[in-house]
Amino acid sequence: MSRAPSPEADDDRDADGDGEWRFGVDDVGPDGIIDDEPEVEQLPIEPESPRAENVAFVLLGVLLAVGLIVVTVFPGAF
């Protein structure tokens, strides 16, 4: 029978099993929290011109909402 290594022995090792540490000293913060998210520059969000497809869906939603309100308030209108 072969004996599998204990799970706690593999917690800090690479999944390849080559014995390399998964995290470097720079990857772990002072609180021991692993910062593995890539750095993303905070660019300002710039407004774009509306596309015809988006405008059509908004207008369709407005028409459906107005129609639902009219049918609810005036049940015999249609």
PDB file of N, CA and C in Angstrom:
ATOM      1  N   MET A   1       0.826  -1.171   0.000  1.00  0.00           N
ATOM      2  CA  MET A   1       0.000   0.000   0.000  1.00  0.00           C
ATOM      3  C   MET A   1       0.873   1.237   0.000  1.00  0.00           C
ATOM      4  N   SER A   2       0.489   2.179  -0.845  1.00  0.00           N
ATOM      5  CA  SER A   2       1.233   3.437  -0.835  1.00  0.00           C
ATOM      6  C   SER A   2       0.520   4.431   0.068  1.00  0.00           C
ATOM      7  N   ARG A   3       1.296   5.267   0.658  1.00  0.00           N
ATOM      8  CA  ARG A   3       0.727   6.239   1.586  1.00  0.00           C
ATOM      9  C   ARG A   3       0.743   7.615   0.925  1.00  0.00           C
ATOM     10  N   ALA A   4      -0.412   8.259   0.853  1.00  0.00           N
ATOM     11  CA  ALA A   4      -0.515   9.584   0.238  1.00  0.00           C
ATOM     12  C   ALA A   4       0.015  10.629   1.207  1.00  0.00           C
ATOM     13  N   PRO A   5       0.644  11.681   0.689  1.00  0.00           N
ATOM     14  CA  PRO A   5       1.115  12.734   1.586  1.00  0.00           C
ATOM     15  C   PRO A   5      -0.062  13.446   2.240  1.00  0.00           C
ATOM     16  N   SER A   6       0.171  13.954   3.418  1.00  0.00           N
ATOM     17  CA  SER A   6      -0.898  14.619   4.145  1.00  0.00           C
ATOM     18  C   SER A   6      -1.276  15.921   3.454  1.00  0.00           C
ATOM     19  N   PRO A   7      -2.558  16.337   3.524  1.00  0.00           N
ATOM     20  CA  PRO A   7      -3.005  17.550   2.845  1.00  0.00           C
ATOM     21  C   PRO A   7      -2.301  18.804   3.353  1.00  0.00           C
ATOM     22  N   GLU A   8      -1.960  18.848   4.637  1.00  0.00           N
ATOM     23  CA  GLU A   8      -1.310  20.049   5.151  1.00  0.00           C
ATOM     24  C   GLU A   8       0.109  20.204   4.613  1.00  0.00           C
ATOM     25  N   ALA A   9       0.714  19.132   4.155  1.00  0.00           N
ATOM     26  CA  ALA A   9       2.056  19.223   3.592  1.00  0.00           C
ATOM     27  C   ALA A   9       2.018  19.855   2.207  1.00  0.00           C
ATOM     28  N   ASP A  10       0.896  19.716   1.485  1.00  0.00           N
ATOM     29  CA  ASP A  10       0.789  20.240   0.133  1.00  0.00           C
ATOM     30  C   ASP A  10       0.138  21.614   0.076  1.00  0.00           C
ATOM     31  N   ASP A  11      -0.278  22.172   1.202  1.00  0.00           N
ATOM     32  CA  ASP A  11      -0.986  23.441   1.186  1.00  0.00           C
ATOM     33  C   ASP A  11      -0.169  24.570   0.598  1.00  0.00           C
ATOM     34  N   ASP A  12       1.109  24.645   0.925  1.00  0.00           N
ATOM     35  CA  ASP A  12       1.933  25.764   0.498  1.00  0.00           C
ATOM     36  C   ASP A  12       2.788  25.440  -0.716  1.00  0.00           C
ATOM     37  N   ARG A  13       2.664  24.272  -1.269  1.00  0.00           N
ATOM     38  CA  ARG A  13       3.488  23.868  -2.398  1.00  0.00           C
ATOM     39  C   ARG A  13       2.734  24.047  -3.705  1.00  0.00           C
ATOM     40  N   ASP A  14       3.483  24.087  -4.777  1.00  0.00           N
ATOM     41  CA  ASP A  14       2.923  24.230  -6.108  1.00  0.00           C
ATOM     42  C   ASP A  14       2.138  22.973  -6.466  1.00  0.00           C
ATOM     43  N   ALA A  15       1.118  23.118  -7.310  1.00  0.00           N
ATOM     44  CA  ALA A  15       0.280  21.985  -7.696  1.00  0.00           C
ATOM     45  C   ALA A  15       1.046  20.975  -8.543  1.00  0.00           C
ATOM     46  N   ASP A  16       2.145  21.406  -9.170  1.00  0.00           N
ATOM     47  CA  ASP A  16       2.921  20.499 -10.002  1.00  0.00           C
ATOM     48  C   ASP A  16       3.674  19.466  -9.181  1.00  0.00           C
ATOM     49  N   GLY A  17       3.876  19.754  -7.909  1.00  0.00           N
ATOM     50  CA  GLY A  17       4.600  18.829  -7.059  1.00  0.00           C
ATOM     51  C   GLY A  17       6.094  18.905  -7.237  1.00  0.00           C
ATOM     52  N   ASP A  18       6.583  19.978  -7.858  1.00  0.00           N
ATOM     53  CA  ASP A  18       8.016  20.072  -8.089  1.00  0.00           C
ATOM     54  C   ASP A  18       8.769  20.656  -6.895  1.00  0.00           C
ATOM     55  N   GLY A  19       8.079  20.926  -5.817  1.00  0.00           N
ATOM     56  CA  GLY A  19       8.736  21.396  -4.616  1.00  0.00           C
ATOM     57  C   GLY A  19       8.940  22.893  -4.555  1.00  0.00           C
ATOM     58  N   GLU A  20       8.511  23.624  -5.573  1.00  0.00           N
ATOM     59  CA  GLU A  20       8.644  25.071  -5.563  1.00  0.00           C
ATOM     60  C   GLU A  20       7.500  25.675  -4.752  1.00  0.00           C
ATOM     61  N   TRP A  21       7.798  26.768  -4.089  1.00  0.00           N
ATOM     62  CA  TRP A  21       6.752  27.459  -3.337  1.00  0.00           C
ATOM     63  C   TRP A  21       5.793  28.116  -4.308  1.00  0.00           C
ATOM     64  N   ARG A  22       4.529  28.112  -3.954  1.00  0.00           N
ATOM     65  CA  ARG A  22       3.505  28.680  -4.815  1.00  0.00           C
ATOM     66  C   ARG A  22       3.542  30.204  -4.779  1.00  0.00           C
ATOM     67  N   PHE A  23       3.871  30.803  -3.630  1.00  0.00           N
ATOM     68  CA  PHE A  23       3.861  32.239  -3.467  1.00  0.00           C
ATOM     69  C   PHE A  23       5.240  32.734  -3.081  1.00  0.00           C
ATOM     70  N   GLY A  24       5.611  33.863  -3.626  1.00  0.00           N
ATOM     71  CA  GLY A  24       6.866  34.487  -3.253  1.00  0.00           C
ATOM     72  C   GLY A  24       6.665  35.429  -2.080  1.00  0.00           C
ATOM     73  N   VAL A  25       7.753  35.972  -1.572  1.00  0.00           N
ATOM     74  CA  VAL A  25       7.674  36.892  -0.440  1.00  0.00           C
ATOM     75  C   VAL A  25       6.900  38.147  -0.833  1.00  0.00           C
ATOM     76  N   ASP A  26       7.028  38.587  -2.079  1.00  0.00           N
ATOM     77  CA  ASP A  26       6.341  39.790  -2.524  1.00  0.00           C
ATOM     78  C   ASP A  26       4.840  39.578  -2.714  1.00  0.00           C
ATOM     79  N   ASP A  27       4.399  38.330  -2.842  1.00  0.00           N
ATOM     80  CA  ASP A  27       2.986  38.047  -3.065  1.00  0.00           C
ATOM     81  C   ASP A  27       2.170  38.078  -1.782  1.00  0.00           C
ATOM     82  N   VAL A  28       2.812  37.965  -0.646  1.00  0.00           N
ATOM     83  CA  VAL A  28       2.106  37.903   0.627  1.00  0.00           C
ATOM     84  C   VAL A  28       2.294  39.232   1.334  1.00  0.00           C
ATOM     85  N   GLY A  29       1.177  39.827   1.756  1.00  0.00           N
ATOM     86  CA  GLY A  29       1.214  41.118   2.425  1.00  0.00           C
ATOM     87  C   GLY A  29       1.625  40.986   3.878  1.00  0.00           C
ATOM     88  N   PRO A  30       1.692  42.108   4.587  1.00  0.00           N
ATOM     89  CA  PRO A  30       2.122  42.088   5.982  1.00  0.00           C
ATOM     90  C   PRO A  30       1.156  41.339   6.903  1.00  0.00           C
ATOM     91  N   ASP A  31      -0.105  41.230   6.519  1.00  0.00           N
ATOM     92  CA  ASP A  31      -1.084  40.518   7.338  1.00  0.00           C
ATOM     93  C   ASP A  31      -1.164  39.038   6.987  1.00  0.00           C
ATOM     94  N   GLY A  32      -0.346  38.596   6.057  1.00  0.00           N
ATOM     95  CA  GLY A  32      -0.378  37.203   5.625  1.00  0.00           C
ATOM     96  C   GLY A  32      -1.422  36.949   4.559  1.00  0.00           C
ATOM     97  N   ILE A  33      -1.980  38.001   4.007  1.00  0.00           N
ATOM     98  CA  ILE A  33      -3.005  37.870   2.976  1.00  0.00           C
ATOM     99  C   ILE A  33      -2.314  37.805   1.623  1.00  0.00           C
ATOM    100  N   ILE A  34      -2.743  36.854   0.809  1.00  0.00           N
ATOM    101  CA  ILE A  34      -2.132  36.635  -0.494  1.00  0.00           C
ATOM    102  C   ILE A  34      -2.755  37.595  -1.490  1.00  0.00           C
ATOM    103  N   ASP A  35      -1.925  38.383  -2.140  1.00  0.00           N
ATOM    104  CA  ASP A  35      -2.384  39.345  -3.134  1.00  0.00           C
ATOM    105  C   ASP A  35      -2.034  38.803  -4.510  1.00  0.00           C
ATOM    106  N   ASP A  36      -2.936  37.962  -5.062  1.00  0.00           N
ATOM    107  CA  ASP A  36      -2.652  37.358  -6.358  1.00  0.00           C
ATOM    108  C   ASP A  36      -3.432  38.002  -7.493  1.00  0.00           C
ATOM    109  N   GLU A  37      -4.125  39.114  -7.213  1.00  0.00           N
ATOM    110  CA  GLU A  37      -4.834  39.813  -8.266  1.00  0.00           C
ATOM    111  C   GLU A  37      -3.862  40.732  -8.995  1.00  0.00           C
ATOM    112  N   PRO A  38      -3.952  40.780 -10.307  1.00  0.00           N
ATOM    113  CA  PRO A  38      -3.022  41.649 -11.044  1.00  0.00           C
ATOM    114  C   PRO A  38      -3.326  43.120 -10.778  1.00  0.00           C
ATOM    115  N   GLU A  39      -2.300  43.920 -10.862  1.00  0.00           N
ATOM    116  CA  GLU A  39      -2.462  45.360 -10.684  1.00  0.00           C
ATOM    117  C   GLU A  39      -3.198  45.928 -11.898  1.00  0.00           C
ATOM    118  N   VAL A  40      -4.240  46.672 -11.641  1.00  0.00           N
ATOM    119  CA  VAL A  40      -5.019  47.281 -12.707  1.00  0.00           C
ATOM    120  C   VAL A  40      -4.977  48.789 -12.509  1.00  0.00           C
ATOM    121  N   GLU A  41      -4.605  49.474 -13.555  1.00  0.00           N
ATOM    122  CA  GLU A  41      -4.593  50.924 -13.464  1.00  0.00           C
ATOM    123  C   GLU A  41      -6.028  51.427 -13.419  1.00  0.00           C
ATOM    124  N   GLN A  42      -6.270  52.407 -12.580  1.00  0.00           N
ATOM    125  CA  GLN A  42      -7.600  52.982 -12.465  1.00  0.00           C
ATOM    126  C   GLN A  42      -7.757  54.077 -13.515  1.00  0.00           C
ATOM    127  N   LEU A  43      -8.344  53.713 -14.631  1.00  0.00           N
ATOM    128  CA  LEU A  43      -8.596  54.665 -15.691  1.00  0.00           C
ATOM    129  C   LEU A  43      -9.989  55.247 -15.508  1.00  0.00           C
ATOM    130  N   PRO A  44     -10.170  56.527 -15.790  1.00  0.00           N
ATOM    131  CA  PRO A  44     -11.510  57.096 -15.658  1.00  0.00           C
ATOM    132  C   PRO A  44     -12.453  56.497 -16.700  1.00  0.00           C
ATOM    133  N   ILE A  45     -13.694  56.347 -16.323  1.00  0.00           N
ATOM    134  CA  ILE A  45     -14.696  55.815 -17.247  1.00  0.00           C
ATOM    135  C   ILE A  45     -15.209  56.971 -18.091  1.00  0.00           C
ATOM    136  N   GLU A  46     -15.064  56.835 -19.379  1.00  0.00           N
ATOM    137  CA  GLU A  46     -15.489  57.891 -20.284  1.00  0.00           C
ATOM    138  C   GLU A  46     -16.814  57.501 -20.930  1.00  0.00           C
ATOM    139  N   PRO A  47     -17.768  58.431 -20.974  1.00  0.00           N
ATOM    140  CA  PRO A  47     -19.060  58.108 -21.593  1.00  0.00           C
ATOM    141  C   PRO A  47     -18.909  57.938 -23.099  1.00  0.00           C
ATOM    142  N   GLU A  48     -19.691  57.040 -23.640  1.00  0.00           N
ATOM    143  CA  GLU A  48     -19.693  56.807 -25.071  1.00  0.00           C
ATOM    144  C   GLU A  48     -21.049  57.185 -25.629  1.00  0.00           C
ATOM    145  N   SER A  49     -21.137  57.301 -26.934  1.00  0.00           N
ATOM    146  CA  SER A  49     -22.428  57.598 -27.548  1.00  0.00           C
ATOM    147  C   SER A  49     -23.286  56.332 -27.514  1.00  0.00           C
ATOM    148  N   PRO A  50     -24.601  56.490 -27.303  1.00  0.00           N
ATOM    149  CA  PRO A  50     -25.473  55.308 -27.224  1.00  0.00           C
ATOM    150  C   PRO A  50     -25.584  54.611 -28.579  1.00  0.00           C
ATOM    151  N   ARG A  51     -25.616  53.286 -28.526  1.00  0.00           N
ATOM    152  CA  ARG A  51     -25.773  52.506 -29.750  1.00  0.00           C
ATOM    153  C   ARG A  51     -27.254  52.307 -30.031  1.00  0.00           C
ATOM    154  N   ALA A  52     -27.597  52.140 -31.283  1.00  0.00           N
ATOM    155  CA  ALA A  52     -29.002  52.009 -31.702  1.00  0.00           C
ATOM    156  C   ALA A  52     -29.674  50.808 -31.037  1.00  0.00           C
ATOM    157  N   GLU A  53     -28.936  49.727 -30.880  1.00  0.00           N
ATOM    158  CA  GLU A  53     -29.501  48.524 -30.257  1.00  0.00           C
ATOM    159  C   GLU A  53     -29.900  48.800 -28.807  1.00  0.00           C
ATOM    160  N   ASN A  54     -29.048  49.505 -28.072  1.00  0.00           N
ATOM    161  CA  ASN A  54     -29.349  49.817 -26.677  1.00  0.00           C
ATOM    162  C   ASN A  54     -30.532  50.777 -26.559  1.00  0.00           C
ATOM    163  N   VAL A  55     -30.588  51.764 -27.445  1.00  0.00           N
ATOM    164  CA  VAL A  55     -31.692  52.722 -27.430  1.00  0.00           C
ATOM    165  C   VAL A  55     -33.005  52.015 -27.728  1.00  0.00           C
ATOM    166  N   ALA A  56     -32.986  51.064 -28.659  1.00  0.00           N
ATOM    167  CA  ALA A  56     -34.203  50.340 -29.018  1.00  0.00           C
ATOM    168  C   ALA A  56     -34.728  49.536 -27.823  1.00  0.00           C
ATOM    169  N   PHE A  57     -33.849  48.889 -27.072  1.00  0.00           N
ATOM    170  CA  PHE A  57     -34.301  48.111 -25.922  1.00  0.00           C
ATOM    171  C   PHE A  57     -34.819  49.007 -24.807  1.00  0.00           C
ATOM    172  N   VAL A  58     -34.216  50.162 -24.608  1.00  0.00           N
ATOM    173  CA  VAL A  58     -34.709  51.091 -23.586  1.00  0.00           C
ATOM    174  C   VAL A  58     -36.091  51.596 -23.971  1.00  0.00           C
ATOM    175  N   LEU A  59     -36.253  51.986 -25.234  1.00  0.00           N
ATOM    176  CA  LEU A  59     -37.574  52.462 -25.680  1.00  0.00           C
ATOM    177  C   LEU A  59     -38.625  51.363 -25.592  1.00  0.00           C
ATOM    178  N   LEU A  60     -38.259  50.132 -25.917  1.00  0.00           N
ATOM    179  CA  LEU A  60     -39.190  49.015 -25.789  1.00  0.00           C
ATOM    180  C   LEU A  60     -39.610  48.825 -24.332  1.00  0.00           C
ATOM    181  N   GLY A  61     -38.676  48.927 -23.414  1.00  0.00           N
ATOM    182  CA  GLY A  61     -38.998  48.807 -21.990  1.00  0.00           C
ATOM    183  C   GLY A  61     -39.897  49.915 -21.507  1.00  0.00           C
ATOM    184  N   VAL A  62     -39.639  51.140 -21.978  1.00  0.00           N
ATOM    185  CA  VAL A  62     -40.490  52.278 -21.598  1.00  0.00           C
ATOM    186  C   VAL A  62     -41.900  52.078 -22.129  1.00  0.00           C
ATOM    187  N   LEU A  63     -42.016  51.662 -23.388  1.00  0.00           N
ATOM    188  CA  LEU A  63     -43.346  51.437 -23.965  1.00  0.00           C
ATOM    189  C   LEU A  63     -44.101  50.330 -23.230  1.00  0.00           C
ATOM    190  N   LEU A  64     -43.416  49.259 -22.876  1.00  0.00           N
ATOM    191  CA  LEU A  64     -44.079  48.184 -22.134  1.00  0.00           C
ATOM    192  C   LEU A  64     -44.514  48.657 -20.750  1.00  0.00           C
ATOM    193  N   ALA A  65     -43.691  49.447 -20.080  1.00  0.00           N
ATOM    194  CA  ALA A  65     -44.047  49.949 -18.751  1.00  0.00           C
ATOM    195  C   ALA A  65     -45.241  50.894 -18.825  1.00  0.00           C
ATOM    196  N   VAL A  66     -45.226  51.800 -19.804  1.00  0.00           N
ATOM    197  CA  VAL A  66     -46.346  52.730 -19.965  1.00  0.00           C
ATOM    198  C   VAL A  66     -47.614  51.961 -20.332  1.00  0.00           C
ATOM    199  N   GLY A  67     -47.488  50.977 -21.206  1.00  0.00           N
ATOM    200  CA  GLY A  67     -48.646  50.154 -21.566  1.00  0.00           C
ATOM    201  C   GLY A  67     -49.197  49.393 -20.381  1.00  0.00           C
ATOM    202  N   LEU A  68     -48.332  48.868 -19.531  1.00  0.00           N
ATOM    203  CA  LEU A  68     -48.789  48.146 -18.339  1.00  0.00           C
ATOM    204  C   LEU A  68     -49.507  49.088 -17.375  1.00  0.00           C
ATOM    205  N   ILE A  69     -48.986  50.295 -17.228  1.00  0.00           N
ATOM    206  CA  ILE A  69     -49.640  51.268 -16.347  1.00  0.00           C
ATOM    207  C   ILE A  69     -51.005  51.673 -16.905  1.00  0.00           C
ATOM    208  N   VAL A  70     -51.091  51.896 -18.219  1.00  0.00           N
ATOM    209  CA  VAL A  70     -52.363  52.296 -18.835  1.00  0.00           C
ATOM    210  C   VAL A  70     -53.383  51.177 -18.703  1.00  0.00           C
ATOM    211  N   VAL A  71     -52.988  49.937 -18.929  1.00  0.00           N
ATOM    212  CA  VAL A  71     -53.912  48.797 -18.808  1.00  0.00           C
ATOM    213  C   VAL A  71     -54.353  48.606 -17.360  1.00  0.00           C
ATOM    214  N   THR A  72     -53.457  48.875 -16.416  1.00  0.00           N
ATOM    215  CA  THR A  72     -53.805  48.716 -15.002  1.00  0.00           C
ATOM    216  C   THR A  72     -54.764  49.816 -14.545  1.00  0.00           C
ATOM    217  N   VAL A  73     -54.510  51.042 -14.959  1.00  0.00           N
ATOM    218  CA  VAL A  73     -55.348  52.173 -14.528  1.00  0.00           C
ATOM    219  C   VAL A  73     -56.661  52.190 -15.277  1.00  0.00           C
ATOM    220  N   PHE A  74     -56.634  51.931 -16.574  1.00  0.00           N
ATOM    221  CA  PHE A  74     -57.839  51.933 -17.407  1.00  0.00           C
ATOM    222  C   PHE A  74     -58.037  50.543 -18.012  1.00  0.00           C
ATOM    223  N   PRO A  75     -58.641  49.608 -17.279  1.00  0.00           N
ATOM    224  CA  PRO A  75     -58.725  48.217 -17.741  1.00  0.00           C
ATOM    225  C   PRO A  75     -59.507  48.047 -19.047  1.00  0.00           C
ATOM    226  N   GLY A  76     -60.440  48.890 -19.369  1.00  0.00           N
ATOM    227  CA  GLY A  76     -61.225  48.723 -20.583  1.00  0.00           C
ATOM    228  C   GLY A  76     -60.730  49.572 -21.732  1.00  0.00           C
ATOM    229  N   ALA A  77     -59.523  50.123 -21.636  1.00  0.00           N
ATOM    230  CA  ALA A  77     -59.030  51.042 -22.670  1.00  0.00           C
ATOM    231  C   ALA A  77     -58.701  50.299 -23.968  1.00  0.00           C
ATOM    232  N   PHE A  78     -58.290  49.054 -23.875  1.00  0.00           N
ATOM    233  CA  PHE A  78     -57.894  48.325 -25.090  1.00  0.00           C
ATOM    234  C   PHE A  78     -58.804  47.190 -25.357  1.00  0.00           C
TER     235      PHE A  78
END
